[in-house]
Amino acid sequence: MQAEAGSVADSFPAEQPARRVFRDELLLVLGVSLGASGVSALISFVGSVTKPGGLKDQAANLNASAAPGRPWLDLAWQLFGITSALVPVLLVAHLLLREGAGLRTIGFDRTRPWPDLGRGAAIAAVIGSTGIAFYLASRGLGFNLTVVPESLPDVWWKYPVLILSAVQNAVLEEVIVVGYLLRRLGQLGWTPGTALMASSVLRGSYHLYQGIGGFIGNMVMGVVFVYLYRRWGRVGPLVVAHSLLDIGAFVGYALLAGKVGWLPTA
């Protein structure tokens, strides 16, 4: 039995070519995270455009109740969804550690908290107002669905869950779509321009469920984020900026929906 097991083990190569390993790792990470989300968003978009009526008469619902009428069970589902969505980030951390690097190599650590916070807040301030204007214009022109950032019940955990959801989105997207993706594509020999395009198209793809406006707007945001990442060498400011943008969208919608005329509701 021991000899047989040894012969089977010996049939596998001791080492794989680095480029092939990096390529396979990248495809698997994307396959269990935002790459799969991009395919899902594309299918959702095709379904939306084939429905009668314009896109702006349809809604994309985020942060919806998972167990209506059962608040504690609903809370459990919300927290489960947030934590399970971060598993690909833990996978990336493991792969980078095995490579001998770790998340510090992409600037996701606590070594520079105040510069990260300051830069992130500045990015959010610039992109936030522009993003709202672009969304309203896209929806008005019929290029976007009505985005409903939250539809949770009025319970005590509503706003903490919305904030946690925003941070989860930011960590997942910036670690994978910027830090990890650019590192692996560079190791695979992609040019900086091609890698930038791949990152921004991927970011746009998993927002396609919102419509063409969501796709284009997030592609542009992706270009800006890649540029800033390469300038600073850190994902940290991008995570801060993305968190603030999503917190503003989720919490702002919860506070203002139905109270201001310029904010579309489903």
C-alpha atoms as a PDB file:
ATOM      1  CA  MET A   1       0.000   0.000   0.000  1.00  0.00           C
ATOM      2  CA  GLN A   2       2.802   2.407   0.844  1.00  0.00           C
ATOM      3  CA  ALA A   3       4.651   1.685  -2.395  1.00  0.00           C
ATOM      4  CA  GLU A   4       1.465   2.149  -4.406  1.00  0.00           C
ATOM      5  CA  ALA A   5       0.690   5.489  -2.722  1.00  0.00           C
ATOM      6  CA  GLY A   6       4.257   6.620  -3.300  1.00  0.00           C
ATOM      7  CA  SER A   7       4.088   5.770  -7.000  1.00  0.00           C
ATOM      8  CA  VAL A   8       0.861   7.765  -7.391  1.00  0.00           C
ATOM      9  CA  ALA A   9       2.348  10.768  -5.616  1.00  0.00           C
ATOM     10  CA  ASP A  10       5.472  10.545  -7.753  1.00  0.00           C
ATOM     11  CA  SER A  11       3.351  10.756 -10.903  1.00  0.00           C
ATOM     12  CA  PHE A  12       2.666  14.463 -10.193  1.00  0.00           C
ATOM     13  CA  PRO A  13       5.375  16.990 -11.091  1.00  0.00           C
ATOM     14  CA  ALA A  14       7.244  18.435  -8.135  1.00  0.00           C
ATOM     15  CA  GLU A  15       6.890  21.962  -9.508  1.00  0.00           C
ATOM     16  CA  GLN A  16       4.608  23.656 -11.992  1.00  0.00           C
ATOM     17  CA  PRO A  17       5.782  26.533 -14.200  1.00  0.00           C
ATOM     18  CA  ALA A  18       5.226  29.777 -12.257  1.00  0.00           C
ATOM     19  CA  ARG A  19       3.249  31.467 -15.045  1.00  0.00           C
ATOM     20  CA  ARG A  20       0.844  28.544 -15.309  1.00  0.00           C
ATOM     21  CA  VAL A  21       0.356  28.448 -11.534  1.00  0.00           C
ATOM     22  CA  PHE A  22      -0.323  32.193 -11.389  1.00  0.00           C
ATOM     23  CA  ARG A  23      -2.745  31.973 -14.322  1.00  0.00           C
ATOM     24  CA  ASP A  24      -4.685  29.095 -12.791  1.00  0.00           C
ATOM     25  CA  GLU A  25      -4.802  30.779  -9.379  1.00  0.00           C
ATOM     26  CA  LEU A  26      -6.122  33.992 -10.916  1.00  0.00           C
ATOM     27  CA  LEU A  27      -8.821  32.223 -12.906  1.00  0.00           C
ATOM     28  CA  LEU A  28      -9.947  30.282  -9.839  1.00  0.00           C
ATOM     29  CA  VAL A  29     -10.068  33.386  -7.625  1.00  0.00           C
ATOM     30  CA  LEU A  30     -12.126  35.246 -10.224  1.00  0.00           C
ATOM     31  CA  GLY A  31     -14.284  32.179 -10.771  1.00  0.00           C
ATOM     32  CA  VAL A  32     -15.402  32.128  -7.140  1.00  0.00           C
ATOM     33  CA  SER A  33     -15.736  35.893  -6.779  1.00  0.00           C
ATOM     34  CA  LEU A  34     -16.083  38.877  -9.086  1.00  0.00           C
ATOM     35  CA  GLY A  35     -15.568  37.055 -12.366  1.00  0.00           C
ATOM     36  CA  ALA A  36     -18.655  34.979 -11.603  1.00  0.00           C
ATOM     37  CA  SER A  37     -20.448  38.172 -10.534  1.00  0.00           C
ATOM     38  CA  GLY A  38     -19.638  39.666 -13.932  1.00  0.00           C
ATOM     39  CA  VAL A  39     -21.258  36.733 -15.738  1.00  0.00           C
ATOM     40  CA  SER A  40     -24.281  36.945 -13.429  1.00  0.00           C
ATOM     41  CA  ALA A  41     -24.606  40.693 -14.058  1.00  0.00           C
ATOM     42  CA  LEU A  42     -24.420  40.154 -17.831  1.00  0.00           C
ATOM     43  CA  ILE A  43     -27.227  37.591 -17.701  1.00  0.00           C
ATOM     44  CA  SER A  44     -29.268  39.951 -15.521  1.00  0.00           C
ATOM     45  CA  PHE A  45     -28.680  42.814 -17.955  1.00  0.00           C
ATOM     46  CA  VAL A  46     -29.784  40.738 -20.957  1.00  0.00           C
ATOM     47  CA  GLY A  47     -32.930  39.830 -19.052  1.00  0.00           C
ATOM     48  CA  SER A  48     -33.603  43.491 -18.298  1.00  0.00           C
ATOM     49  CA  VAL A  49     -33.192  44.774 -21.856  1.00  0.00           C
ATOM     50  CA  THR A  50     -35.473  42.052 -23.229  1.00  0.00           C
ATOM     51  CA  LYS A  51     -38.325  43.044 -20.922  1.00  0.00           C
ATOM     52  CA  PRO A  52     -40.947  45.442 -22.282  1.00  0.00           C
ATOM     53  CA  GLY A  53     -40.494  49.071 -21.238  1.00  0.00           C
ATOM     54  CA  GLY A  54     -37.347  51.076 -20.565  1.00  0.00           C
ATOM     55  CA  LEU A  55     -34.542  50.268 -18.166  1.00  0.00           C
ATOM     56  CA  LYS A  56     -35.400  53.179 -15.877  1.00  0.00           C
ATOM     57  CA  ASP A  57     -38.795  51.590 -15.184  1.00  0.00           C
ATOM     58  CA  GLN A  58     -37.056  48.515 -13.735  1.00  0.00           C
ATOM     59  CA  ALA A  59     -35.204  48.254 -10.423  1.00  0.00           C
ATOM     60  CA  ALA A  60     -31.979  46.679  -9.191  1.00  0.00           C
ATOM     61  CA  ASN A  61     -32.370  45.909  -5.486  1.00  0.00           C
ATOM     62  CA  LEU A  62     -29.352  45.747  -3.195  1.00  0.00           C
ATOM     63  CA  ASN A  63     -29.215  44.846   0.498  1.00  0.00           C
ATOM     64  CA  ALA A  64     -32.698  43.362   0.512  1.00  0.00           C
ATOM     65  CA  SER A  65     -34.300  41.457   3.351  1.00  0.00           C
ATOM     66  CA  ALA A  66     -33.457  37.749   3.318  1.00  0.00           C
ATOM     67  CA  ALA A  67     -36.118  36.667   5.828  1.00  0.00           C
ATOM     68  CA  PRO A  68     -39.009  39.162   5.800  1.00  0.00           C
ATOM     69  CA  GLY A  69     -40.930  39.338   9.042  1.00  0.00           C
ATOM     70  CA  ARG A  70     -38.246  37.468  11.006  1.00  0.00           C
ATOM     71  CA  PRO A  71     -35.703  40.120  12.080  1.00  0.00           C
ATOM     72  CA  TRP A  72     -33.251  37.871  13.951  1.00  0.00           C
ATOM     73  CA  LEU A  73     -33.160  35.297  11.183  1.00  0.00           C
ATOM     74  CA  ASP A  74     -32.817  38.128   8.681  1.00  0.00           C
ATOM     75  CA  LEU A  75     -29.853  39.508  10.638  1.00  0.00           C
ATOM     76  CA  ALA A  76     -28.217  36.079  10.630  1.00  0.00           C
ATOM     77  CA  TRP A  77     -28.598  35.856   6.855  1.00  0.00           C
ATOM     78  CA  GLN A  78     -27.217  39.364   6.340  1.00  0.00           C
ATOM     79  CA  LEU A  79     -24.132  38.655   8.473  1.00  0.00           C
ATOM     80  CA  PHE A  80     -23.624  35.298   6.778  1.00  0.00           C
ATOM     81  CA  GLY A  81     -23.755  36.939   3.356  1.00  0.00           C
ATOM     82  CA  ILE A  82     -21.237  39.608   4.360  1.00  0.00           C
ATOM     83  CA  THR A  83     -18.740  37.200   5.913  1.00  0.00           C
ATOM     84  CA  SER A  84     -18.983  34.554   3.180  1.00  0.00           C
ATOM     85  CA  ALA A  85     -18.397  37.208   0.517  1.00  0.00           C
ATOM     86  CA  LEU A  86     -15.002  37.922   2.112  1.00  0.00           C
ATOM     87  CA  VAL A  87     -13.752  34.341   1.746  1.00  0.00           C
ATOM     88  CA  PRO A  88     -12.120  35.113  -1.645  1.00  0.00           C
ATOM     89  CA  VAL A  89     -10.135  37.871   0.083  1.00  0.00           C
ATOM     90  CA  LEU A  90      -8.861  35.323   2.596  1.00  0.00           C
ATOM     91  CA  LEU A  91      -7.971  33.063  -0.326  1.00  0.00           C
ATOM     92  CA  VAL A  92      -5.986  35.883  -1.928  1.00  0.00           C
ATOM     93  CA  ALA A  93      -4.215  36.540   1.380  1.00  0.00           C
ATOM     94  CA  HIS A  94      -3.302  32.840   1.573  1.00  0.00           C
ATOM     95  CA  LEU A  95      -1.998  32.768  -2.005  1.00  0.00           C
ATOM     96  CA  LEU A  96       0.104  35.875  -1.479  1.00  0.00           C
ATOM     97  CA  LEU A  97       1.499  34.490   1.772  1.00  0.00           C
ATOM     98  CA  ARG A  98       2.391  31.241   0.057  1.00  0.00           C
ATOM     99  CA  GLU A  99       4.184  33.314  -2.544  1.00  0.00           C
ATOM    100  CA  GLY A 100       6.158  34.908   0.295  1.00  0.00           C
ATOM    101  CA  ALA A 101       4.461  38.294   0.022  1.00  0.00           C
ATOM    102  CA  GLY A 102       1.148  38.776   1.845  1.00  0.00           C
ATOM    103  CA  LEU A 103      -1.439  41.536   1.684  1.00  0.00           C
ATOM    104  CA  ARG A 104       1.177  44.092   2.724  1.00  0.00           C
ATOM    105  CA  THR A 105       2.697  43.830  -0.732  1.00  0.00           C
ATOM    106  CA  ILE A 106      -0.465  45.370  -2.227  1.00  0.00           C
ATOM    107  CA  GLY A 107      -0.753  47.979   0.527  1.00  0.00           C
ATOM    108  CA  PHE A 108      -3.626  46.473   2.486  1.00  0.00           C
ATOM    109  CA  ASP A 109      -2.343  46.751   6.049  1.00  0.00           C
ATOM    110  CA  ARG A 110      -2.278  49.165   8.980  1.00  0.00           C
ATOM    111  CA  THR A 111       1.156  50.662   8.434  1.00  0.00           C
ATOM    112  CA  ARG A 112      -0.163  53.995   7.083  1.00  0.00           C
ATOM    113  CA  PRO A 113      -3.689  54.480   8.492  1.00  0.00           C
ATOM    114  CA  TRP A 114      -3.890  58.278   8.452  1.00  0.00           C
ATOM    115  CA  PRO A 115      -2.587  58.813   4.887  1.00  0.00           C
ATOM    116  CA  ASP A 116      -4.920  56.035   3.716  1.00  0.00           C
ATOM    117  CA  LEU A 117      -7.893  57.653   5.459  1.00  0.00           C
ATOM    118  CA  GLY A 118      -7.083  61.133   4.173  1.00  0.00           C
ATOM    119  CA  ARG A 119      -6.516  60.066   0.592  1.00  0.00           C
ATOM    120  CA  GLY A 120      -9.579  57.820   0.645  1.00  0.00           C
ATOM    121  CA  ALA A 121     -11.809  60.602   1.943  1.00  0.00           C
ATOM    122  CA  ALA A 122     -10.528  62.972  -0.757  1.00  0.00           C
ATOM    123  CA  ILE A 123     -11.209  60.408  -3.494  1.00  0.00           C
ATOM    124  CA  ALA A 124     -14.712  59.756  -2.171  1.00  0.00           C
ATOM    125  CA  ALA A 125     -15.503  63.483  -2.069  1.00  0.00           C
ATOM    126  CA  VAL A 126     -14.512  63.933  -5.721  1.00  0.00           C
ATOM    127  CA  ILE A 127     -16.081  60.762  -7.101  1.00  0.00           C
ATOM    128  CA  GLY A 128     -19.222  60.850  -4.947  1.00  0.00           C
ATOM    129  CA  SER A 129     -20.814  63.978  -6.361  1.00  0.00           C
ATOM    130  CA  THR A 130     -19.755  63.107  -9.910  1.00  0.00           C
ATOM    131  CA  GLY A 131     -21.117  59.590  -9.542  1.00  0.00           C
ATOM    132  CA  ILE A 132     -24.536  60.750  -8.362  1.00  0.00           C
ATOM    133  CA  ALA A 133     -24.828  63.177 -11.268  1.00  0.00           C
ATOM    134  CA  PHE A 134     -23.776  60.489 -13.755  1.00  0.00           C
ATOM    135  CA  TYR A 135     -26.279  57.978 -12.332  1.00  0.00           C
ATOM    136  CA  LEU A 136     -29.176  60.451 -12.495  1.00  0.00           C
ATOM    137  CA  ALA A 137     -28.241  61.426 -16.056  1.00  0.00           C
ATOM    138  CA  SER A 138     -27.883  57.790 -17.168  1.00  0.00           C
ATOM    139  CA  ARG A 139     -31.229  56.860 -15.671  1.00  0.00           C
ATOM    140  CA  GLY A 140     -32.897  59.909 -17.206  1.00  0.00           C
ATOM    141  CA  LEU A 141     -31.570  58.899 -20.644  1.00  0.00           C
ATOM    142  CA  GLY A 142     -32.822  55.340 -20.175  1.00  0.00           C
ATOM    143  CA  PHE A 143     -29.370  53.735 -19.882  1.00  0.00           C
ATOM    144  CA  ASN A 144     -29.756  52.608 -16.255  1.00  0.00           C
ATOM    145  CA  LEU A 145     -32.178  50.760 -14.056  1.00  0.00           C
ATOM    146  CA  THR A 146     -33.413  52.422 -10.898  1.00  0.00           C
ATOM    147  CA  VAL A 147     -30.896  51.331  -8.269  1.00  0.00           C
ATOM    148  CA  VAL A 148     -32.443  50.661  -4.860  1.00  0.00           C
ATOM    149  CA  PRO A 149     -29.400  50.554  -2.521  1.00  0.00           C
ATOM    150  CA  GLU A 150     -31.341  49.076   0.387  1.00  0.00           C
ATOM    151  CA  SER A 151     -34.754  47.726   1.304  1.00  0.00           C
ATOM    152  CA  LEU A 152     -34.135  46.406   4.801  1.00  0.00           C
ATOM    153  CA  PRO A 153     -36.813  46.642   7.488  1.00  0.00           C
ATOM    154  CA  ASP A 154     -36.644  49.404  10.105  1.00  0.00           C
ATOM    155  CA  VAL A 155     -34.875  47.413  12.817  1.00  0.00           C
ATOM    156  CA  TRP A 156     -32.022  48.299  15.179  1.00  0.00           C
ATOM    157  CA  TRP A 157     -29.366  46.504  13.123  1.00  0.00           C
ATOM    158  CA  LYS A 158     -30.275  48.108   9.783  1.00  0.00           C
ATOM    159  CA  TYR A 159     -27.573  50.805   9.661  1.00  0.00           C
ATOM    160  CA  PRO A 160     -24.749  48.682  11.138  1.00  0.00           C
ATOM    161  CA  VAL A 161     -25.474  46.009   8.515  1.00  0.00           C
ATOM    162  CA  LEU A 162     -25.496  48.598   5.713  1.00  0.00           C
ATOM    163  CA  ILE A 163     -22.105  49.907   6.875  1.00  0.00           C
ATOM    164  CA  LEU A 164     -20.664  46.391   7.126  1.00  0.00           C
ATOM    165  CA  SER A 165     -22.014  45.608   3.652  1.00  0.00           C
ATOM    166  CA  ALA A 166     -20.344  48.719   2.254  1.00  0.00           C
ATOM    167  CA  VAL A 167     -16.974  47.839   3.814  1.00  0.00           C
ATOM    168  CA  GLN A 168     -17.272  44.252   2.578  1.00  0.00           C
ATOM    169  CA  ASN A 169     -17.867  45.447  -0.981  1.00  0.00           C
ATOM    170  CA  ALA A 170     -14.866  47.756  -0.778  1.00  0.00           C
ATOM    171  CA  VAL A 171     -12.449  45.171   0.609  1.00  0.00           C
ATOM    172  CA  LEU A 172     -13.540  42.465  -1.839  1.00  0.00           C
ATOM    173  CA  GLU A 173     -13.374  44.641  -4.929  1.00  0.00           C
ATOM    174  CA  GLU A 174     -10.216  46.631  -4.284  1.00  0.00           C
ATOM    175  CA  VAL A 175      -8.124  43.724  -3.005  1.00  0.00           C
ATOM    176  CA  ILE A 176      -9.082  41.455  -5.913  1.00  0.00           C
ATOM    177  CA  VAL A 177      -9.777  43.794  -8.855  1.00  0.00           C
ATOM    178  CA  VAL A 178      -6.878  46.160  -8.203  1.00  0.00           C
ATOM    179  CA  GLY A 179      -4.177  44.750  -5.935  1.00  0.00           C
ATOM    180  CA  TYR A 180      -4.277  41.028  -6.696  1.00  0.00           C
ATOM    181  CA  LEU A 181      -5.333  41.220 -10.350  1.00  0.00           C
ATOM    182  CA  LEU A 182      -2.667  43.768 -11.313  1.00  0.00           C
ATOM    183  CA  ARG A 183       0.026  41.820  -9.470  1.00  0.00           C
ATOM    184  CA  ARG A 184      -0.841  38.554 -11.176  1.00  0.00           C
ATOM    185  CA  LEU A 185      -1.244  40.101 -14.642  1.00  0.00           C
ATOM    186  CA  GLY A 186       2.153  41.746 -14.239  1.00  0.00           C
ATOM    187  CA  GLN A 187       3.673  38.396 -13.297  1.00  0.00           C
ATOM    188  CA  LEU A 188       2.025  36.904 -16.389  1.00  0.00           C
ATOM    189  CA  GLY A 189       3.722  39.499 -18.586  1.00  0.00           C
ATOM    190  CA  TRP A 190       0.770  41.746 -19.382  1.00  0.00           C
ATOM    191  CA  THR A 191       1.591  45.339 -20.255  1.00  0.00           C
ATOM    192  CA  PRO A 192       0.484  48.051 -17.790  1.00  0.00           C
ATOM    193  CA  GLY A 193      -2.061  49.421 -20.277  1.00  0.00           C
ATOM    194  CA  THR A 194      -3.619  46.026 -20.975  1.00  0.00           C
ATOM    195  CA  ALA A 195      -3.771  45.203 -17.272  1.00  0.00           C
ATOM    196  CA  LEU A 196      -5.451  48.556 -16.568  1.00  0.00           C
ATOM    197  CA  MET A 197      -8.065  47.834 -19.230  1.00  0.00           C
ATOM    198  CA  ALA A 198      -8.689  44.329 -17.865  1.00  0.00           C
ATOM    199  CA  SER A 199      -9.165  45.654 -14.326  1.00  0.00           C
ATOM    200  CA  SER A 200     -11.528  48.446 -15.368  1.00  0.00           C
ATOM    201  CA  VAL A 201     -13.597  46.207 -17.691  1.00  0.00           C
ATOM    202  CA  LEU A 202     -13.921  43.605 -14.936  1.00  0.00           C
ATOM    203  CA  ARG A 203     -15.100  46.300 -12.502  1.00  0.00           C
ATOM    204  CA  GLY A 204     -17.653  47.505 -15.024  1.00  0.00           C
ATOM    205  CA  SER A 205     -18.816  43.978 -15.858  1.00  0.00           C
ATOM    206  CA  TYR A 206     -20.144  43.064 -12.423  1.00  0.00           C
ATOM    207  CA  HIS A 207     -22.046  46.369 -12.273  1.00  0.00           C
ATOM    208  CA  LEU A 208     -23.747  45.699 -15.609  1.00  0.00           C
ATOM    209  CA  TYR A 209     -26.916  44.584 -13.780  1.00  0.00           C
ATOM    210  CA  GLN A 210     -27.484  48.330 -13.217  1.00  0.00           C
ATOM    211  CA  GLY A 211     -27.437  49.020 -16.969  1.00  0.00           C
ATOM    212  CA  ILE A 212     -25.034  50.584 -19.453  1.00  0.00           C
ATOM    213  CA  GLY A 213     -24.564  53.608 -17.197  1.00  0.00           C
ATOM    214  CA  GLY A 214     -23.401  51.405 -14.320  1.00  0.00           C
ATOM    215  CA  PHE A 215     -20.981  49.610 -16.625  1.00  0.00           C
ATOM    216  CA  ILE A 216     -19.414  52.771 -18.055  1.00  0.00           C
ATOM    217  CA  GLY A 217     -19.333  54.700 -14.785  1.00  0.00           C
ATOM    218  CA  ASN A 218     -17.574  51.893 -12.943  1.00  0.00           C
ATOM    219  CA  MET A 219     -15.142  51.368 -15.809  1.00  0.00           C
ATOM    220  CA  VAL A 220     -14.090  54.995 -15.512  1.00  0.00           C
ATOM    221  CA  MET A 221     -13.800  54.633 -11.749  1.00  0.00           C
ATOM    222  CA  GLY A 222     -11.662  51.562 -12.342  1.00  0.00           C
ATOM    223  CA  VAL A 223      -9.236  53.517 -14.528  1.00  0.00           C
ATOM    224  CA  VAL A 224      -8.889  56.195 -11.838  1.00  0.00           C
ATOM    225  CA  PHE A 225      -8.387  53.621  -9.080  1.00  0.00           C
ATOM    226  CA  VAL A 226      -5.689  51.743 -11.020  1.00  0.00           C
ATOM    227  CA  TYR A 227      -3.869  55.008 -11.699  1.00  0.00           C
ATOM    228  CA  LEU A 228      -3.960  55.949  -8.009  1.00  0.00           C
ATOM    229  CA  TYR A 229      -2.892  52.474  -6.931  1.00  0.00           C
ATOM    230  CA  ARG A 230       0.131  52.630  -9.182  1.00  0.00           C
ATOM    231  CA  ARG A 231       0.966  56.109  -7.951  1.00  0.00           C
ATOM    232  CA  TRP A 232       0.707  55.243  -4.235  1.00  0.00           C
ATOM    233  CA  GLY A 233       1.363  51.495  -4.279  1.00  0.00           C
ATOM    234  CA  ARG A 234      -1.453  50.939  -1.791  1.00  0.00           C
ATOM    235  CA  VAL A 235      -4.941  49.451  -1.898  1.00  0.00           C
ATOM    236  CA  GLY A 236      -5.731  50.999   1.506  1.00  0.00           C
ATOM    237  CA  PRO A 237      -6.879  54.439   0.252  1.00  0.00           C
ATOM    238  CA  LEU A 238      -9.073  52.780  -2.384  1.00  0.00           C
ATOM    239  CA  VAL A 239     -10.762  50.598   0.237  1.00  0.00           C
ATOM    240  CA  VAL A 240     -11.446  53.699   2.346  1.00  0.00           C
ATOM    241  CA  ALA A 241     -12.826  55.629  -0.637  1.00  0.00           C
ATOM    242  CA  HIS A 242     -15.012  52.762  -1.817  1.00  0.00           C
ATOM    243  CA  SER A 243     -16.313  52.167   1.708  1.00  0.00           C
ATOM    244  CA  LEU A 244     -17.281  55.830   2.102  1.00  0.00           C
ATOM    245  CA  LEU A 245     -18.964  55.895  -1.316  1.00  0.00           C
ATOM    246  CA  ASP A 246     -21.055  52.814  -0.567  1.00  0.00           C
ATOM    247  CA  ILE A 247     -21.877  53.944   2.972  1.00  0.00           C
ATOM    248  CA  GLY A 248     -23.077  57.228   1.503  1.00  0.00           C
ATOM    249  CA  ALA A 249     -25.196  55.397  -1.069  1.00  0.00           C
ATOM    250  CA  PHE A 250     -26.688  52.811   1.305  1.00  0.00           C
ATOM    251  CA  VAL A 251     -27.247  54.956   4.385  1.00  0.00           C
ATOM    252  CA  GLY A 252     -28.076  58.066   2.382  1.00  0.00           C
ATOM    253  CA  TYR A 253     -30.772  56.225   0.472  1.00  0.00           C
ATOM    254  CA  ALA A 254     -32.218  54.805   3.692  1.00  0.00           C
ATOM    255  CA  LEU A 255     -32.459  58.295   5.166  1.00  0.00           C
ATOM    256  CA  LEU A 256     -33.613  60.216   2.071  1.00  0.00           C
ATOM    257  CA  ALA A 257     -35.735  57.838  -0.027  1.00  0.00           C
ATOM    258  CA  GLY A 258     -39.227  59.252  -0.399  1.00  0.00           C
ATOM    259  CA  LYS A 259     -38.235  62.540   1.275  1.00  0.00           C
ATOM    260  CA  VAL A 260     -36.434  64.293  -1.600  1.00  0.00           C
ATOM    261  CA  GLY A 261     -37.780  64.602  -5.098  1.00  0.00           C
ATOM    262  CA  TRP A 262     -34.521  64.132  -7.010  1.00  0.00           C
ATOM    263  CA  LEU A 263     -33.808  60.644  -5.629  1.00  0.00           C
ATOM    264  CA  PRO A 264     -35.457  57.948  -7.756  1.00  0.00           C
ATOM    265  CA  THR A 265     -37.258  55.138  -5.918  1.00  0.00           C
ATOM    266  CA  ALA A 266     -38.645  51.866  -7.168  1.00  0.00           C
END
